Amino acid sequence: MDPKPAYVEVFPGHQKGADVFALVEGRHKIISVSLEDSSTVLLYDLENDPGEKNNLADIDPALTDSLLIEMELWEEIARHHSVLDSSRLEYFRSLGYINQ
């Protein structure tokens, strides 16, 4: 059985003005960091570089673009299908996951 992709979003609160999106798909992890005035994309091969030292985003632009498109699809799914009832919302807020 193939592992399922993992998608993560982190919004301002941890680092002022930064939005962070990440997707782990198979052996690759892509991270997109958007600041108020710039953005960065990081791509790692987790099998060959488990310490995430070598950014492959500029080395393999086709893979980078493909994973960015997939990450955007996951973002769209998360935006339209994530609904928390008030008790779960308060629970995540108490754990520090939600700052609003």
Protein backbone atom coordinates (compact mmCIF):
# COMPACT_ATOMS: atom_id res chain seq x y z
CA MET A 1 0.00 0.00 0.00
CA ASP A 2 1.37 3.42 -0.99
CA PRO A 3 1.44 6.05 1.75
CA LYS A 4 -1.08 8.84 1.36
CA PRO A 5 0.08 12.45 0.84
CA ALA A 6 0.29 14.73 3.88
CA TYR A 7 -0.70 18.38 3.53
CA VAL A 8 0.05 21.10 6.12
CA GLU A 9 -0.86 24.80 6.43
CA VAL A 10 0.59 27.26 8.96
CA PHE A 11 -0.74 30.80 8.99
CA PRO A 12 0.50 33.98 10.69
CA GLY A 13 0.87 33.71 14.39
CA HIS A 14 3.97 31.56 14.49
CA GLN A 15 5.96 34.00 12.38
CA LYS A 16 4.41 37.39 11.71
CA GLY A 17 3.25 37.74 8.15
CA ALA A 18 4.31 34.26 6.99
CA ASP A 19 2.08 31.62 5.43
CA VAL A 20 3.64 28.17 5.15
CA PHE A 21 2.24 25.33 3.06
CA ALA A 22 3.84 21.90 2.82
CA LEU A 23 3.12 18.64 1.05
CA VAL A 24 4.81 15.29 1.50
CA GLU A 25 4.15 13.11 -1.53
CA GLY A 26 6.02 9.83 -1.71
CA ARG A 27 9.71 10.53 -1.25
CA HIS A 28 9.41 14.30 -1.75
CA LYS A 29 8.54 17.20 0.51
CA ILE A 30 7.73 20.61 -0.92
CA ILE A 31 7.38 23.71 1.24
CA SER A 32 6.12 27.10 0.14
CA VAL A 33 6.79 30.06 2.44
CA SER A 34 5.09 33.36 1.62
CA LEU A 35 6.12 36.50 3.45
CA GLU A 36 4.59 39.92 2.95
CA ASP A 37 7.17 40.87 0.31
CA SER A 38 8.67 37.58 -0.91
CA SER A 39 8.17 33.85 -1.24
CA THR A 40 10.39 30.78 -1.20
CA VAL A 41 9.90 27.22 -2.40
CA LEU A 42 11.88 24.35 -0.93
CA LEU A 43 11.94 20.82 -2.34
CA TYR A 44 13.59 17.86 -0.65
CA ASP A 45 14.11 14.20 -1.55
CA LEU A 46 13.44 12.59 1.84
CA GLU A 47 14.97 9.24 0.89
CA ASN A 48 18.33 10.68 -0.20
CA ASP A 49 18.31 13.73 2.08
CA PRO A 50 16.38 12.95 5.29
CA GLY A 51 18.00 15.95 7.01
CA GLU A 52 16.56 18.29 4.34
CA LYS A 53 19.87 19.99 3.59
CA ASN A 54 19.71 20.14 -0.24
CA ASN A 55 16.95 22.26 -1.78
CA LEU A 56 16.10 20.74 -5.17
CA ALA A 57 13.52 23.35 -6.24
CA ASP A 58 15.82 25.03 -8.76
CA ILE A 59 17.49 21.78 -9.81
CA ASP A 60 14.24 20.02 -10.78
CA PRO A 61 11.75 22.72 -11.86
CA ALA A 62 9.39 20.22 -13.53
CA LEU A 63 8.96 18.23 -10.30
CA THR A 64 8.71 21.47 -8.32
CA ASP A 65 5.94 22.78 -10.57
CA SER A 66 4.09 19.46 -10.47
CA LEU A 67 4.17 19.30 -6.67
CA LEU A 68 3.16 22.97 -6.37
CA ILE A 69 0.10 22.25 -8.52
CA GLU A 70 -0.76 19.23 -6.37
CA MET A 71 -0.29 21.31 -3.22
CA GLU A 72 -2.66 23.96 -4.60
CA LEU A 73 -5.25 21.24 -5.18
CA TRP A 74 -4.90 20.09 -1.56
CA GLU A 75 -5.21 23.71 -0.41
CA GLU A 76 -8.42 24.07 -2.39
CA ILE A 77 -9.81 20.88 -0.86
CA ALA A 78 -8.88 22.04 2.64
CA ARG A 79 -10.52 25.44 2.12
CA HIS A 80 -13.82 24.01 0.95
CA HIS A 81 -14.15 20.88 3.03
CA SER A 82 -12.81 21.68 6.48
CA VAL A 83 -15.55 22.53 8.91
CA LEU A 84 -15.04 22.36 12.66
CA ASP A 85 -17.89 22.48 15.12
CA SER A 86 -17.52 24.93 18.00
CA SER A 87 -16.32 22.32 20.53
CA ARG A 88 -13.52 21.09 18.25
CA LEU A 89 -12.61 24.65 17.35
CA GLU A 90 -12.29 25.51 21.05
CA TYR A 91 -10.27 22.33 21.66
CA PHE A 92 -7.72 23.21 18.94
CA ARG A 93 -7.64 26.82 20.20
CA SER A 94 -6.83 25.56 23.73
CA LEU A 95 -3.93 23.55 22.31
CA GLY A 96 -2.54 26.64 20.57
CA TYR A 97 -3.26 25.50 17.02
CA ILE A 98 -5.66 28.37 16.35
CA ASN A 99 -4.86 31.96 17.33
CA GLN A 100 -8.08 33.63 16.22
